[in-house]
Amino acid sequence: MLLNGRRVVTEPHPKFQTLTSFLSAIPGIKIFSSGDLPSGGWWVKLDIDIRQGHAWHLVQELGYVLNNLSVQERLPTVFKPVSPPPYLNGGPSDYLSWVIECPEKSFAPGTAQKWLEGRLPNPAHKLSEWQGLDE
């Protein structure tokens, strides 16, 4: 299926399985869809339940690793919010989504998963690892 010029995969293609399984295991994340970019790159759209206490830490950690890990280790990925028009729909707890995009065909979703796994709280699927990050 095409959506805005992108192939949308509702059931994850095997190439997305490692990344989507890892992200889905993190408390508060739900994967919506994934697909290929016309450039040969890829994208994954997800929901973060912003009502959970650790949600903004999760956004911060994903943004750090995927957008700007370091000058020397910058990944070819972008993590950003996406939303339909708020004046037509509703607030962020119901309509704010997030997307990870990678225009580089050579950077596989599984490689992104390995970078995240190595830098997010460990193990990322345990809520206790996300709680108390403000302390």
Protein backbone atom coordinates (compact mmCIF):
# COMPACT_ATOMS: atom_id res chain seq x y z
CA MET A 1 0.00 0.00 0.00
CA LEU A 2 1.25 3.51 -0.80
CA LEU A 3 0.70 6.45 1.54
CA ASN A 4 2.04 9.88 0.51
CA GLY A 5 4.43 8.21 -1.93
CA ARG A 6 5.73 5.76 0.67
CA ARG A 7 5.16 2.03 0.84
CA VAL A 8 3.41 1.32 4.14
CA VAL A 9 3.91 -2.04 5.80
CA THR A 10 1.31 -2.81 8.43
CA GLU A 11 2.78 -6.24 9.15
CA PRO A 12 6.51 -5.58 9.50
CA HIS A 13 8.71 -6.65 6.62
CA PRO A 14 11.46 -8.97 7.90
CA LYS A 15 14.04 -6.21 7.47
CA PHE A 16 12.20 -4.17 10.15
CA GLN A 17 11.66 -7.05 12.58
CA THR A 18 14.73 -6.50 14.76
CA LEU A 19 14.13 -2.76 15.18
CA THR A 20 10.36 -2.93 15.60
CA SER A 21 10.58 -5.82 18.08
CA PHE A 22 13.16 -3.93 20.14
CA LEU A 23 11.13 -0.70 20.15
CA SER A 24 7.82 -2.48 20.85
CA ALA A 25 9.31 -4.08 23.95
CA ILE A 26 10.04 -0.66 25.49
CA PRO A 27 7.21 0.35 27.85
CA GLY A 28 5.00 3.02 26.30
CA ILE A 29 5.93 2.43 22.64
CA LYS A 30 3.56 1.09 20.01
CA ILE A 31 4.64 0.60 16.39
CA PHE A 32 2.14 1.88 13.81
CA SER A 33 3.81 1.12 10.51
CA SER A 34 7.06 0.95 8.59
CA GLY A 35 8.07 1.29 4.99
CA ASP A 36 10.58 2.20 2.34
CA LEU A 37 11.51 5.67 1.14
CA PRO A 38 11.79 6.33 -2.62
CA SER A 39 15.54 6.89 -2.08
CA GLY A 40 15.96 3.30 -0.91
CA GLY A 41 15.98 4.29 2.74
CA TRP A 42 13.33 3.40 5.29
CA TRP A 43 11.05 4.72 8.05
CA VAL A 44 9.25 3.46 11.15
CA LYS A 45 6.26 5.31 12.66
CA LEU A 46 5.52 4.84 16.35
CA ASP A 47 3.43 6.11 19.23
CA ILE A 48 4.89 7.06 22.59
CA ASP A 49 2.36 7.21 25.41
CA ILE A 50 3.23 10.67 26.71
CA ARG A 51 1.05 10.13 29.78
CA GLN A 52 3.65 7.72 31.19
CA GLY A 53 6.18 9.25 33.57
CA HIS A 54 9.21 8.15 31.58
CA ALA A 55 7.89 9.25 28.17
CA TRP A 56 9.91 12.43 27.81
CA HIS A 57 13.07 10.59 28.89
CA LEU A 58 12.33 8.13 26.13
CA VAL A 59 11.90 10.95 23.61
CA GLN A 60 15.12 12.54 24.82
CA GLU A 61 17.12 9.30 24.61
CA LEU A 62 15.80 8.39 21.14
CA GLY A 63 16.46 11.94 19.92
CA TYR A 64 19.99 11.89 21.26
CA VAL A 65 20.99 8.55 19.74
CA LEU A 66 19.17 8.87 16.42
CA ASN A 67 19.68 12.60 15.73
CA ASN A 68 22.99 13.64 17.21
CA LEU A 69 24.98 10.92 18.95
CA SER A 70 28.24 12.84 18.44
CA VAL A 71 30.05 14.79 15.77
CA GLN A 72 32.21 11.75 14.99
CA GLU A 73 29.42 9.13 15.28
CA ARG A 74 26.44 10.86 13.71
CA LEU A 75 23.95 8.32 12.42
CA PRO A 76 22.09 8.83 9.11
CA THR A 77 18.77 8.79 10.97
CA VAL A 78 16.24 11.38 12.09
CA PHE A 79 13.77 11.00 14.95
CA LYS A 80 10.97 13.56 14.86
CA PRO A 81 7.37 14.19 15.87
CA VAL A 82 4.59 14.06 13.28
CA SER A 83 0.97 15.10 13.64
CA PRO A 84 -2.18 15.73 11.64
CA PRO A 85 -3.54 19.27 12.01
CA PRO A 86 -4.26 19.72 15.76
CA TYR A 87 -7.16 22.10 15.06
CA LEU A 88 -8.95 19.32 13.17
CA ASN A 89 -8.22 16.40 15.47
CA GLY A 90 -7.16 16.79 19.07
CA GLY A 91 -4.31 16.94 21.53
CA PRO A 92 -0.92 15.27 21.61
CA SER A 93 -1.89 12.37 23.86
CA ASP A 94 -4.15 11.08 21.07
CA TYR A 95 -2.65 12.42 17.83
CA LEU A 96 1.08 13.01 18.25
CA SER A 97 3.20 10.31 16.63
CA TRP A 98 6.91 9.90 16.03
CA VAL A 99 8.90 8.72 13.05
CA ILE A 100 12.41 7.39 12.60
CA GLU A 101 13.62 8.07 9.06
CA CYS A 102 16.80 6.95 7.37
CA PRO A 103 17.49 8.05 3.77
CA GLU A 104 20.60 5.84 3.56
CA LYS A 105 19.95 2.50 1.89
CA SER A 106 23.18 1.08 3.38
CA PHE A 107 22.09 1.74 7.00
CA ALA A 108 19.71 -1.10 7.84
CA PRO A 109 16.97 -0.92 10.50
CA GLY A 110 18.79 -3.68 12.40
CA THR A 111 21.87 -1.48 12.61
CA ALA A 112 19.76 1.30 14.15
CA GLN A 113 18.48 -1.25 16.68
CA LYS A 114 22.04 -2.16 17.67
CA TRP A 115 22.95 1.50 18.24
CA LEU A 116 19.83 2.03 20.34
CA GLU A 117 20.34 -1.14 22.35
CA GLY A 118 23.91 -0.12 23.13
CA ARG A 119 22.97 3.36 24.36
CA LEU A 120 19.48 3.29 25.87
CA PRO A 121 18.93 2.24 29.50
CA ASN A 122 19.66 -1.46 29.77
CA PRO A 123 17.57 -3.51 29.51
CA ALA A 124 15.32 -1.07 27.68
CA HIS A 125 12.20 -3.24 28.10
CA LYS A 126 12.28 -2.87 31.92
CA LEU A 127 10.27 0.11 33.13
CA SER A 128 12.47 0.34 36.23
CA GLU A 129 15.42 1.31 34.00
CA TRP A 130 13.49 4.38 32.77
CA GLN A 131 12.12 5.48 36.12
CA GLY A 132 14.17 7.79 38.30
CA LEU A 133 16.23 9.26 35.46
CA ASP A 134 15.67 12.77 36.87
CA GLU A 135 17.52 11.93 40.08
